[in-house]
Amino acid sequence: MASSKDNFISVDDTEEEIYRKFKKAFCKMGDVEENPILALFRYHIFPRYETIVIERPEKFGGNLVYNSYSEMESGFAEEKVHPMDLKNSAAKYINEILDPVRKVLL
C-alpha cells in the first residue's frame, strides 16, 4: 500500500489533484523501462483510446499524435516527447477516464 496520498490515484481525486500528482511523478527523459507514466499509457489509456494527442505549444513543436503505445514509447525513447508533456497528457486522459466514475460516486 502507498504510504502517502500523493503516491496513488483515487477516484475521488479532483482534476487538479491528478495534475498535481502527475507533475510530481518520476518520469526520466528517454527512460522507457522504469516509467510509471508510460505504464499508465500502456495499460490504462491506450486500451481505451485509438489515438492519443500530446498537446504542446507550437513553439515546442506542436501537438504529437500517436496511434499505438509502441509508437509513443519509441518517441519518448528518442526524446521527441518531454516528460512534462507526457505527464500533462496522462493526467488529461486519466481525468477523462475517471470523470464518469466521479459523476456517479461523488
PDB file of N, CA and C in Angstrom:
ATOM      1  N   MET A   1       0.821  -1.179   0.000  1.00  0.00           N
ATOM      2  CA  MET A   1       0.000   0.000   0.000  1.00  0.00           C
ATOM      3  C   MET A   1       0.869   1.248   0.000  1.00  0.00           C
ATOM      4  N   ALA A   2       0.386   2.254  -0.632  1.00  0.00           N
ATOM      5  CA  ALA A   2       1.122   3.519  -0.671  1.00  0.00           C
ATOM      6  C   ALA A   2       1.090   4.166   0.710  1.00  0.00           C
ATOM      7  N   SER A   3       2.196   4.739   1.085  1.00  0.00           N
ATOM      8  CA  SER A   3       2.273   5.361   2.408  1.00  0.00           C
ATOM      9  C   SER A   3       1.846   6.822   2.388  1.00  0.00           C
ATOM     10  N   SER A   4       1.702   7.388   1.229  1.00  0.00           N
ATOM     11  CA  SER A   4       1.333   8.786   1.104  1.00  0.00           C
ATOM     12  C   SER A   4       0.192   8.920   0.112  1.00  0.00           C
ATOM     13  N   LYS A   5      -0.746   9.820   0.380  1.00  0.00           N
ATOM     14  CA  LYS A   5      -1.872  10.032  -0.534  1.00  0.00           C
ATOM     15  C   LYS A   5      -1.394  10.504  -1.905  1.00  0.00           C
ATOM     16  N   ASP A   6      -0.194  11.047  -1.975  1.00  0.00           N
ATOM     17  CA  ASP A   6       0.338  11.501  -3.259  1.00  0.00           C
ATOM     18  C   ASP A   6       0.897  10.359  -4.105  1.00  0.00           C
ATOM     19  N   ASN A   7       0.959   9.152  -3.555  1.00  0.00           N
ATOM     20  CA  ASN A   7       1.549   8.026  -4.278  1.00  0.00           C
ATOM     21  C   ASN A   7       0.538   7.172  -5.021  1.00  0.00           C
ATOM     22  N   PHE A   8      -0.718   7.570  -5.032  1.00  0.00           N
ATOM     23  CA  PHE A   8      -1.715   6.788  -5.749  1.00  0.00           C
ATOM     24  C   PHE A   8      -2.805   7.702  -6.288  1.00  0.00           C
ATOM     25  N   ILE A   9      -3.551   7.168  -7.239  1.00  0.00           N
ATOM     26  CA  ILE A   9      -4.669   7.891  -7.835  1.00  0.00           C
ATOM     27  C   ILE A   9      -5.943   7.321  -7.231  1.00  0.00           C
ATOM     28  N   SER A  10      -6.814   8.193  -6.806  1.00  0.00           N
ATOM     29  CA  SER A  10      -8.092   7.776  -6.245  1.00  0.00           C
ATOM     30  C   SER A  10      -9.224   8.329  -7.100  1.00  0.00           C
ATOM     31  N   VAL A  11     -10.333   7.594  -7.171  1.00  0.00           N
ATOM     32  CA  VAL A  11     -11.459   8.081  -7.968  1.00  0.00           C
ATOM     33  C   VAL A  11     -12.028   9.377  -7.418  1.00  0.00           C
ATOM     34  N   ASP A  12     -11.776   9.661  -6.142  1.00  0.00           N
ATOM     35  CA  ASP A  12     -12.284  10.920  -5.604  1.00  0.00           C
ATOM     36  C   ASP A  12     -11.275  12.064  -5.678  1.00  0.00           C
ATOM     37  N   ASP A  13     -10.128  11.827  -6.313  1.00  0.00           N
ATOM     38  CA  ASP A  13      -9.186  12.921  -6.571  1.00  0.00           C
ATOM     39  C   ASP A  13      -9.814  13.907  -7.555  1.00  0.00           C
ATOM     40  N   THR A  14      -9.644  15.182  -7.301  1.00  0.00           N
ATOM     41  CA  THR A  14     -10.119  16.189  -8.251  1.00  0.00           C
ATOM     42  C   THR A  14      -9.182  16.222  -9.460  1.00  0.00           C
ATOM     43  N   GLU A  15      -9.629  16.866 -10.518  1.00  0.00           N
ATOM     44  CA  GLU A  15      -8.768  17.025 -11.698  1.00  0.00           C
ATOM     45  C   GLU A  15      -7.464  17.702 -11.310  1.00  0.00           C
ATOM     46  N   GLU A  16      -7.555  18.726 -10.477  1.00  0.00           N
ATOM     47  CA  GLU A  16      -6.361  19.455 -10.059  1.00  0.00           C
ATOM     48  C   GLU A  16      -5.407  18.558  -9.271  1.00  0.00           C
ATOM     49  N   GLU A  17      -5.959  17.704  -8.415  1.00  0.00           N
ATOM     50  CA  GLU A  17      -5.113  16.786  -7.648  1.00  0.00           C
ATOM     51  C   GLU A  17      -4.393  15.805  -8.566  1.00  0.00           C
ATOM     52  N   ILE A  18      -5.091  15.323  -9.575  1.00  0.00           N
ATOM     53  CA  ILE A  18      -4.466  14.402 -10.543  1.00  0.00           C
ATOM     54  C   ILE A  18      -3.311  15.111 -11.240  1.00  0.00           C
ATOM     55  N   TYR A  19      -3.536  16.326 -11.735  1.00  0.00           N
ATOM     56  CA  TYR A  19      -2.459  17.069 -12.402  1.00  0.00           C
ATOM     57  C   TYR A  19      -1.281  17.300 -11.455  1.00  0.00           C
ATOM     58  N   ARG A  20      -1.570  17.637 -10.199  1.00  0.00           N
ATOM     59  CA  ARG A  20      -0.508  17.876  -9.223  1.00  0.00           C
ATOM     60  C   ARG A  20       0.295  16.602  -8.970  1.00  0.00           C
ATOM     61  N   LYS A  21      -0.382  15.489  -8.800  1.00  0.00           N
ATOM     62  CA  LYS A  21       0.303  14.220  -8.555  1.00  0.00           C
ATOM     63  C   LYS A  21       1.150  13.806  -9.756  1.00  0.00           C
ATOM     64  N   PHE A  22       0.606  13.977 -10.955  1.00  0.00           N
ATOM     65  CA  PHE A  22       1.357  13.591 -12.151  1.00  0.00           C
ATOM     66  C   PHE A  22       2.570  14.489 -12.348  1.00  0.00           C
ATOM     67  N   LYS A  23       2.414  15.761 -12.015  1.00  0.00           N
ATOM     68  CA  LYS A  23       3.538  16.691 -12.151  1.00  0.00           C
ATOM     69  C   LYS A  23       4.721  16.233 -11.308  1.00  0.00           C
ATOM     70  N   LYS A  24       4.448  15.640 -10.142  1.00  0.00           N
ATOM     71  CA  LYS A  24       5.496  15.187  -9.231  1.00  0.00           C
ATOM     72  C   LYS A  24       5.999  13.776  -9.544  1.00  0.00           C
ATOM     73  N   ALA A  25       5.342  13.075 -10.451  1.00  0.00           N
ATOM     74  CA  ALA A  25       5.687  11.677 -10.731  1.00  0.00           C
ATOM     75  C   ALA A  25       7.052  11.547 -11.393  1.00  0.00           C
ATOM     76  N   PHE A  26       7.712  10.443 -11.113  1.00  0.00           N
ATOM     77  CA  PHE A  26       9.007  10.144 -11.725  1.00  0.00           C
ATOM     78  C   PHE A  26       8.798   9.836 -13.199  1.00  0.00           C
ATOM     79  N   CYS A  27       9.561  10.510 -14.052  1.00  0.00           N
ATOM     80  CA  CYS A  27       9.462  10.294 -15.497  1.00  0.00           C
ATOM     81  C   CYS A  27      10.751  10.814 -16.128  1.00  0.00           C
ATOM     82  N   LYS A  28      11.790   9.996 -16.074  1.00  0.00           N
ATOM     83  CA  LYS A  28      13.104  10.391 -16.580  1.00  0.00           C
ATOM     84  C   LYS A  28      13.100  10.433 -18.107  1.00  0.00           C
ATOM     85  N   MET A  29      13.633  11.517 -18.651  1.00  0.00           N
ATOM     86  CA  MET A  29      13.698  11.717 -20.097  1.00  0.00           C
ATOM     87  C   MET A  29      14.305  10.500 -20.789  1.00  0.00           C
ATOM     88  N   GLY A  30      13.558   9.935 -21.731  1.00  0.00           N
ATOM     89  CA  GLY A  30      14.049   8.832 -22.549  1.00  0.00           C
ATOM     90  C   GLY A  30      13.978   7.459 -21.909  1.00  0.00           C
ATOM     91  N   ASP A  31      13.671   7.384 -20.609  1.00  0.00           N
ATOM     92  CA  ASP A  31      13.634   6.096 -19.904  1.00  0.00           C
ATOM     93  C   ASP A  31      12.277   5.427 -20.098  1.00  0.00           C
ATOM     94  N   VAL A  32      12.274   4.301 -20.802  1.00  0.00           N
ATOM     95  CA  VAL A  32      11.023   3.582 -21.040  1.00  0.00           C
ATOM     96  C   VAL A  32      10.893   2.344 -20.154  1.00  0.00           C
ATOM     97  N   GLU A  33      11.926   2.018 -19.406  1.00  0.00           N
ATOM     98  CA  GLU A  33      11.917   0.808 -18.581  1.00  0.00           C
ATOM     99  C   GLU A  33      11.222   1.012 -17.236  1.00  0.00           C
ATOM    100  N   GLU A  34      11.600   2.011 -16.510  1.00  0.00           N
ATOM    101  CA  GLU A  34      11.033   2.257 -15.178  1.00  0.00           C
ATOM    102  C   GLU A  34      10.300   3.589 -15.186  1.00  0.00           C
ATOM    103  N   ASN A  35       9.172   3.600 -15.866  1.00  0.00           N
ATOM    104  CA  ASN A  35       8.457   4.841 -16.090  1.00  0.00           C
ATOM    105  C   ASN A  35       6.968   4.638 -15.793  1.00  0.00           C
ATOM    106  N   PRO A  36       6.504   5.070 -14.622  1.00  0.00           N
ATOM    107  CA  PRO A  36       5.099   4.864 -14.276  1.00  0.00           C
ATOM    108  C   PRO A  36       4.125   5.609 -15.190  1.00  0.00           C
ATOM    109  N   ILE A  37       4.544   6.717 -15.751  1.00  0.00           N
ATOM    110  CA  ILE A  37       3.659   7.462 -16.652  1.00  0.00           C
ATOM    111  C   ILE A  37       3.436   6.663 -17.938  1.00  0.00           C
ATOM    112  N   LEU A  38       4.501   6.118 -18.503  1.00  0.00           N
ATOM    113  CA  LEU A  38       4.346   5.272 -19.689  1.00  0.00           C
ATOM    114  C   LEU A  38       3.515   4.032 -19.370  1.00  0.00           C
ATOM    115  N   ALA A  39       3.684   3.478 -18.174  1.00  0.00           N
ATOM    116  CA  ALA A  39       2.892   2.308 -17.786  1.00  0.00           C
ATOM    117  C   ALA A  39       1.398   2.637 -17.789  1.00  0.00           C
ATOM    118  N   LEU A  40       1.041   3.829 -17.329  1.00  0.00           N
ATOM    119  CA  LEU A  40      -0.366   4.236 -17.374  1.00  0.00           C
ATOM    120  C   LEU A  40      -0.862   4.314 -18.811  1.00  0.00           C
ATOM    121  N   PHE A  41      -0.043   4.859 -19.708  1.00  0.00           N
ATOM    122  CA  PHE A  41      -0.439   4.891 -21.117  1.00  0.00           C
ATOM    123  C   PHE A  41      -0.617   3.474 -21.658  1.00  0.00           C
ATOM    124  N   ARG A  42       0.315   2.608 -21.351  1.00  0.00           N
ATOM    125  CA  ARG A  42       0.290   1.248 -21.897  1.00  0.00           C
ATOM    126  C   ARG A  42      -0.911   0.438 -21.404  1.00  0.00           C
ATOM    127  N   TYR A  43      -1.175   0.477 -20.115  1.00  0.00           N
ATOM    128  CA  TYR A  43      -2.178  -0.411 -19.535  1.00  0.00           C
ATOM    129  C   TYR A  43      -3.549   0.206 -19.294  1.00  0.00           C
ATOM    130  N   HIS A  44      -3.639   1.523 -19.243  1.00  0.00           N
ATOM    131  CA  HIS A  44      -4.920   2.142 -18.923  1.00  0.00           C
ATOM    132  C   HIS A  44      -5.436   3.122 -19.968  1.00  0.00           C
ATOM    133  N   ILE A  45      -4.545   3.814 -20.650  1.00  0.00           N
ATOM    134  CA  ILE A  45      -5.003   4.850 -21.577  1.00  0.00           C
ATOM    135  C   ILE A  45      -5.144   4.299 -22.993  1.00  0.00           C
ATOM    136  N   PHE A  46      -4.085   3.727 -23.551  1.00  0.00           N
ATOM    137  CA  PHE A  46      -4.177   3.220 -24.925  1.00  0.00           C
ATOM    138  C   PHE A  46      -5.261   2.163 -25.109  1.00  0.00           C
ATOM    139  N   PRO A  47      -5.534   1.284 -24.145  1.00  0.00           N
ATOM    140  CA  PRO A  47      -6.626   0.332 -24.354  1.00  0.00           C
ATOM    141  C   PRO A  47      -8.000   0.996 -24.517  1.00  0.00           C
ATOM    142  N   ARG A  48      -8.122   2.256 -24.115  1.00  0.00           N
ATOM    143  CA  ARG A  48      -9.405   2.959 -24.180  1.00  0.00           C
ATOM    144  C   ARG A  48      -9.494   3.986 -25.314  1.00  0.00           C
ATOM    145  N   TYR A  49      -8.364   4.332 -25.901  1.00  0.00           N
ATOM    146  CA  TYR A  49      -8.336   5.357 -26.948  1.00  0.00           C
ATOM    147  C   TYR A  49      -7.571   4.837 -28.161  1.00  0.00           C
ATOM    148  N   GLU A  50      -8.108   5.068 -29.350  1.00  0.00           N
ATOM    149  CA  GLU A  50      -7.417   4.660 -30.581  1.00  0.00           C
ATOM    150  C   GLU A  50      -6.246   5.578 -30.891  1.00  0.00           C
ATOM    151  N   THR A  51      -6.412   6.839 -30.565  1.00  0.00           N
ATOM    152  CA  THR A  51      -5.393   7.848 -30.861  1.00  0.00           C
ATOM    153  C   THR A  51      -5.162   8.697 -29.618  1.00  0.00           C
ATOM    154  N   ILE A  52      -3.894   8.975 -29.356  1.00  0.00           N
ATOM    155  CA  ILE A  52      -3.520   9.829 -28.231  1.00  0.00           C
ATOM    156  C   ILE A  52      -2.869  11.085 -28.795  1.00  0.00           C
ATOM    157  N   VAL A  53      -3.317  12.232 -28.316  1.00  0.00           N
ATOM    158  CA  VAL A  53      -2.736  13.505 -28.735  1.00  0.00           C
ATOM    159  C   VAL A  53      -1.986  14.103 -27.545  1.00  0.00           C
ATOM    160  N   ILE A  54      -0.691  14.321 -27.748  1.00  0.00           N
ATOM    161  CA  ILE A  54       0.122  15.018 -26.754  1.00  0.00           C
ATOM    162  C   ILE A  54       0.069  16.489 -27.145  1.00  0.00           C
ATOM    163  N   GLU A  55      -0.665  17.273 -26.371  1.00  0.00           N
ATOM    164  CA  GLU A  55      -0.838  18.689 -26.693  1.00  0.00           C
ATOM    165  C   GLU A  55       0.350  19.487 -26.176  1.00  0.00           C
ATOM    166  N   ARG A  56       0.903  20.293 -27.067  1.00  0.00           N
ATOM    167  CA  ARG A  56       2.004  21.176 -26.667  1.00  0.00           C
ATOM    168  C   ARG A  56       2.018  22.392 -27.582  1.00  0.00           C
ATOM    169  N   PRO A  57       2.535  23.509 -27.086  1.00  0.00           N
ATOM    170  CA  PRO A  57       2.559  24.744 -27.874  1.00  0.00           C
ATOM    171  C   PRO A  57       3.383  24.586 -29.157  1.00  0.00           C
ATOM    172  N   GLU A  58       3.027  25.374 -30.147  1.00  0.00           N
ATOM    173  CA  GLU A  58       3.759  25.362 -31.422  1.00  0.00           C
ATOM    174  C   GLU A  58       5.239  25.645 -31.223  1.00  0.00           C
ATOM    175  N   LYS A  59       5.560  26.526 -30.270  1.00  0.00           N
ATOM    176  CA  LYS A  59       6.969  26.866 -30.064  1.00  0.00           C
ATOM    177  C   LYS A  59       7.781  25.665 -29.590  1.00  0.00           C
ATOM    178  N   PHE A  60       7.099  24.611 -29.124  1.00  0.00           N
ATOM    179  CA  PHE A  60       7.785  23.377 -28.725  1.00  0.00           C
ATOM    180  C   PHE A  60       7.523  22.248 -29.714  1.00  0.00           C
ATOM    181  N   GLY A  61       7.101  22.610 -30.918  1.00  0.00           N
ATOM    182  CA  GLY A  61       6.905  21.607 -31.964  1.00  0.00           C
ATOM    183  C   GLY A  61       5.466  21.236 -32.243  1.00  0.00           C
ATOM    184  N   GLY A  62       4.539  21.787 -31.496  1.00  0.00           N
ATOM    185  CA  GLY A  62       3.128  21.487 -31.728  1.00  0.00           C
ATOM    186  C   GLY A  62       2.727  20.119 -31.194  1.00  0.00           C
ATOM    187  N   ASN A  63       1.473  19.791 -31.440  1.00  0.00           N
ATOM    188  CA  ASN A  63       0.920  18.535 -30.941  1.00  0.00           C
ATOM    189  C   ASN A  63       1.576  17.329 -31.597  1.00  0.00           C
ATOM    190  N   LEU A  64       1.619  16.235 -30.842  1.00  0.00           N
ATOM    191  CA  LEU A  64       2.080  14.950 -31.358  1.00  0.00           C
ATOM    192  C   LEU A  64       0.904  13.987 -31.303  1.00  0.00           C
ATOM    193  N   VAL A  65       0.751  13.179 -32.346  1.00  0.00           N
ATOM    194  CA  VAL A  65      -0.340  12.211 -32.404  1.00  0.00           C
ATOM    195  C   VAL A  65       0.256  10.816 -32.462  1.00  0.00           C
ATOM    196  N   TYR A  66      -0.233   9.951 -31.577  1.00  0.00           N
ATOM    197  CA  TYR A  66       0.236   8.563 -31.541  1.00  0.00           C
ATOM    198  C   TYR A  66      -0.952   7.627 -31.706  1.00  0.00           C
ATOM    199  N   ASN A  67      -0.774   6.633 -32.577  1.00  0.00           N
ATOM    200  CA  ASN A  67      -1.827   5.660 -32.844  1.00  0.00           C
ATOM    201  C   ASN A  67      -1.579   4.320 -32.167  1.00  0.00           C
ATOM    202  N   SER A  68      -0.466   4.200 -31.470  1.00  0.00           N
ATOM    203  CA  SER A  68      -0.174   2.967 -30.733  1.00  0.00           C
ATOM    204  C   SER A  68       0.777   3.278 -29.585  1.00  0.00           C
ATOM    205  N   TYR A  69       0.750   2.397 -28.595  1.00  0.00           N
ATOM    206  CA  TYR A  69       1.659   2.573 -27.470  1.00  0.00           C
ATOM    207  C   TYR A  69       3.108   2.463 -27.921  1.00  0.00           C
ATOM    208  N   SER A  70       3.409   1.491 -28.780  1.00  0.00           N
ATOM    209  CA  SER A  70       4.802   1.298 -29.215  1.00  0.00           C
ATOM    210  C   SER A  70       5.334   2.528 -29.939  1.00  0.00           C
ATOM    211  N   GLU A  71       4.467   3.195 -30.681  1.00  0.00           N
ATOM    212  CA  GLU A  71       4.855   4.437 -31.364  1.00  0.00           C
ATOM    213  C   GLU A  71       5.206   5.523 -30.332  1.00  0.00           C
ATOM    214  N   MET A  72       4.384   5.633 -29.292  1.00  0.00           N
ATOM    215  CA  MET A  72       4.650   6.624 -28.247  1.00  0.00           C
ATOM    216  C   MET A  72       5.921   6.275 -27.481  1.00  0.00           C
ATOM    217  N   GLU A  73       6.082   5.019 -27.141  1.00  0.00           N
ATOM    218  CA  GLU A  73       7.271   4.592 -26.406  1.00  0.00           C
ATOM    219  C   GLU A  73       8.538   4.914 -27.199  1.00  0.00           C
ATOM    220  N   SER A  74       8.518   4.652 -28.494  1.00  0.00           N
ATOM    221  CA  SER A  74       9.673   4.966 -29.344  1.00  0.00           C
ATOM    222  C   SER A  74       9.946   6.461 -29.362  1.00  0.00           C
ATOM    223  N   GLY A  75       8.893   7.257 -29.488  1.00  0.00           N
ATOM    224  CA  GLY A  75       9.049   8.707 -29.480  1.00  0.00           C
ATOM    225  C   GLY A  75       9.651   9.210 -28.186  1.00  0.00           C
ATOM    226  N   PHE A  76       9.238   8.614 -27.069  1.00  0.00           N
ATOM    227  CA  PHE A  76       9.787   9.024 -25.779  1.00  0.00           C
ATOM    228  C   PHE A  76      11.238   8.575 -25.650  1.00  0.00           C
ATOM    229  N   ALA A  77      11.532   7.356 -26.080  1.00  0.00           N
ATOM    230  CA  ALA A  77      12.906   6.837 -26.015  1.00  0.00           C
ATOM    231  C   ALA A  77      13.855   7.696 -26.844  1.00  0.00           C
ATOM    232  N   GLU A  78      13.346   8.213 -27.966  1.00  0.00           N
ATOM    233  CA  GLU A  78      14.147   9.067 -28.849  1.00  0.00           C
ATOM    234  C   GLU A  78      14.132  10.528 -28.393  1.00  0.00           C
ATOM    235  N   GLU A  79      13.517  10.782 -27.252  1.00  0.00           N
ATOM    236  CA  GLU A  79      13.432  12.113 -26.635  1.00  0.00           C
ATOM    237  C   GLU A  79      12.718  13.138 -27.512  1.00  0.00           C
ATOM    238  N   LYS A  80      11.722  12.668 -28.248  1.00  0.00           N
ATOM    239  CA  LYS A  80      10.878  13.564 -29.041  1.00  0.00           C
ATOM    240  C   LYS A  80       9.739  14.142 -28.200  1.00  0.00           C
ATOM    241  N   VAL A  81       9.533  13.543 -27.030  1.00  0.00           N
ATOM    242  CA  VAL A  81       8.482  13.980 -26.113  1.00  0.00           C
ATOM    243  C   VAL A  81       9.126  14.338 -24.778  1.00  0.00           C
ATOM    244  N   HIS A  82       8.853  15.517 -24.291  1.00  0.00           N
ATOM    245  CA  HIS A  82       9.374  15.943 -22.987  1.00  0.00           C
ATOM    246  C   HIS A  82       8.557  15.271 -21.881  1.00  0.00           C
ATOM    247  N   PRO A  83       9.196  14.891 -20.778  1.00  0.00           N
ATOM    248  CA  PRO A  83       8.463  14.254 -19.684  1.00  0.00           C
ATOM    249  C   PRO A  83       7.248  15.051 -19.193  1.00  0.00           C
ATOM    250  N   MET A  84       7.347  16.376 -19.121  1.00  0.00           N
ATOM    251  CA  MET A  84       6.211  17.162 -18.643  1.00  0.00           C
ATOM    252  C   MET A  84       5.046  17.097 -19.625  1.00  0.00           C
ATOM    253  N   ASP A  85       5.335  17.048 -20.924  1.00  0.00           N
ATOM    254  CA  ASP A  85       4.263  16.896 -21.909  1.00  0.00           C
ATOM    255  C   ASP A  85       3.570  15.549 -21.723  1.00  0.00           C
ATOM    256  N   LEU A  86       4.349  14.514 -21.465  1.00  0.00           N
ATOM    257  CA  LEU A  86       3.804  13.177 -21.240  1.00  0.00           C
ATOM    258  C   LEU A  86       2.949  13.156 -19.967  1.00  0.00           C
ATOM    259  N   LYS A  87       3.443  13.778 -18.909  1.00  0.00           N
ATOM    260  CA  LYS A  87       2.710  13.830 -17.644  1.00  0.00           C
ATOM    261  C   LYS A  87       1.386  14.575 -17.794  1.00  0.00           C
ATOM    262  N   ASN A  88       1.423  15.736 -18.450  1.00  0.00           N
ATOM    263  CA  ASN A  88       0.199  16.516 -18.634  1.00  0.00           C
ATOM    264  C   ASN A  88      -0.831  15.756 -19.454  1.00  0.00           C
ATOM    265  N   SER A  89      -0.376  15.066 -20.493  1.00  0.00           N
ATOM    266  CA  SER A  89      -1.300  14.292 -21.323  1.00  0.00           C
ATOM    267  C   SER A  89      -1.867  13.108 -20.556  1.00  0.00           C
ATOM    268  N   ALA A  90      -1.029  12.424 -19.794  1.00  0.00           N
ATOM    269  CA  ALA A  90      -1.514  11.298 -18.993  1.00  0.00           C
ATOM    270  C   ALA A  90      -2.566  11.778 -17.996  1.00  0.00           C
ATOM    271  N   ALA A  91      -2.312  12.904 -17.347  1.00  0.00           N
ATOM    272  CA  ALA A  91      -3.274  13.452 -16.389  1.00  0.00           C
ATOM    273  C   ALA A  91      -4.593  13.779 -17.079  1.00  0.00           C
ATOM    274  N   LYS A  92      -4.517  14.353 -18.256  1.00  0.00           N
ATOM    275  CA  LYS A  92      -5.726  14.693 -19.013  1.00  0.00           C
ATOM    276  C   LYS A  92      -6.551  13.442 -19.302  1.00  0.00           C
ATOM    277  N   TYR A  93      -5.905  12.403 -19.821  1.00  0.00           N
ATOM    278  CA  TYR A  93      -6.628  11.184 -20.184  1.00  0.00           C
ATOM    279  C   TYR A  93      -7.132  10.430 -18.955  1.00  0.00           C
ATOM    280  N   ILE A  94      -6.355  10.363 -17.895  1.00  0.00           N
ATOM    281  CA  ILE A  94      -6.814   9.699 -16.671  1.00  0.00           C
ATOM    282  C   ILE A  94      -8.020  10.448 -16.099  1.00  0.00           C
ATOM    283  N   ASN A  95      -7.996  11.765 -16.156  1.00  0.00           N
ATOM    284  CA  ASN A  95      -9.160  12.535 -15.709  1.00  0.00           C
ATOM    285  C   ASN A  95     -10.384  12.215 -16.559  1.00  0.00           C
ATOM    286  N   GLU A  96     -10.209  12.075 -17.869  1.00  0.00           N
ATOM    287  CA  GLU A  96     -11.332  11.705 -18.739  1.00  0.00           C
ATOM    288  C   GLU A  96     -11.875  10.326 -18.374  1.00  0.00           C
ATOM    289  N   ILE A  97     -10.978   9.399 -18.067  1.00  0.00           N
ATOM    290  CA  ILE A  97     -11.395   8.042 -17.697  1.00  0.00           C
ATOM    291  C   ILE A  97     -12.146   8.050 -16.366  1.00  0.00           C
ATOM    292  N   LEU A  98     -11.677   8.838 -15.414  1.00  0.00           N
ATOM    293  CA  LEU A  98     -12.284   8.873 -14.083  1.00  0.00           C
ATOM    294  C   LEU A  98     -13.551   9.721 -14.009  1.00  0.00           C
ATOM    295  N   ASP A  99     -13.750  10.629 -14.941  1.00  0.00           N
ATOM    296  CA  ASP A  99     -14.874  11.563 -14.860  1.00  0.00           C
ATOM    297  C   ASP A  99     -16.234  10.870 -14.731  1.00  0.00           C
ATOM    298  N   PRO A 100     -16.555   9.860 -15.539  1.00  0.00           N
ATOM    299  CA  PRO A 100     -17.860   9.202 -15.368  1.00  0.00           C
ATOM    300  C   PRO A 100     -18.016   8.544 -13.991  1.00  0.00           C
ATOM    301  N   VAL A 101     -16.932   8.011 -13.459  1.00  0.00           N
ATOM    302  CA  VAL A 101     -16.972   7.393 -12.129  1.00  0.00           C
ATOM    303  C   VAL A 101     -17.226   8.462 -11.074  1.00  0.00           C
ATOM    304  N   ARG A 102     -16.551   9.576 -11.200  1.00  0.00           N
ATOM    305  CA  ARG A 102     -16.745  10.682 -10.248  1.00  0.00           C
ATOM    306  C   ARG A 102     -18.200  11.148 -10.243  1.00  0.00           C
ATOM    307  N   LYS A 103     -18.791  11.230 -11.440  1.00  0.00           N
ATOM    308  CA  LYS A 103     -20.170  11.716 -11.538  1.00  0.00           C
ATOM    309  C   LYS A 103     -21.145  10.787 -10.832  1.00  0.00           C
ATOM    310  N   VAL A 104     -20.867   9.499 -10.852  1.00  0.00           N
ATOM    311  CA  VAL A 104     -21.747   8.530 -10.201  1.00  0.00           C
ATOM    312  C   VAL A 104     -21.510   8.482  -8.695  1.00  0.00           C
ATOM    313  N   LEU A 105     -20.249   8.511  -8.298  1.00  0.00           N
ATOM    314  CA  LEU A 105     -19.909   8.312  -6.891  1.00  0.00           C
ATOM    315  C   LEU A 105     -19.880   9.574  -6.045  1.00  0.00           C
ATOM    316  N   LEU A 106     -19.625  10.703  -6.667  1.00  0.00           N
ATOM    317  CA  LEU A 106     -19.431  11.914  -5.856  1.00  0.00           C
ATOM    318  C   LEU A 106     -20.582  12.880  -5.960  1.00  0.00           C
TER     319      LEU A 106
END
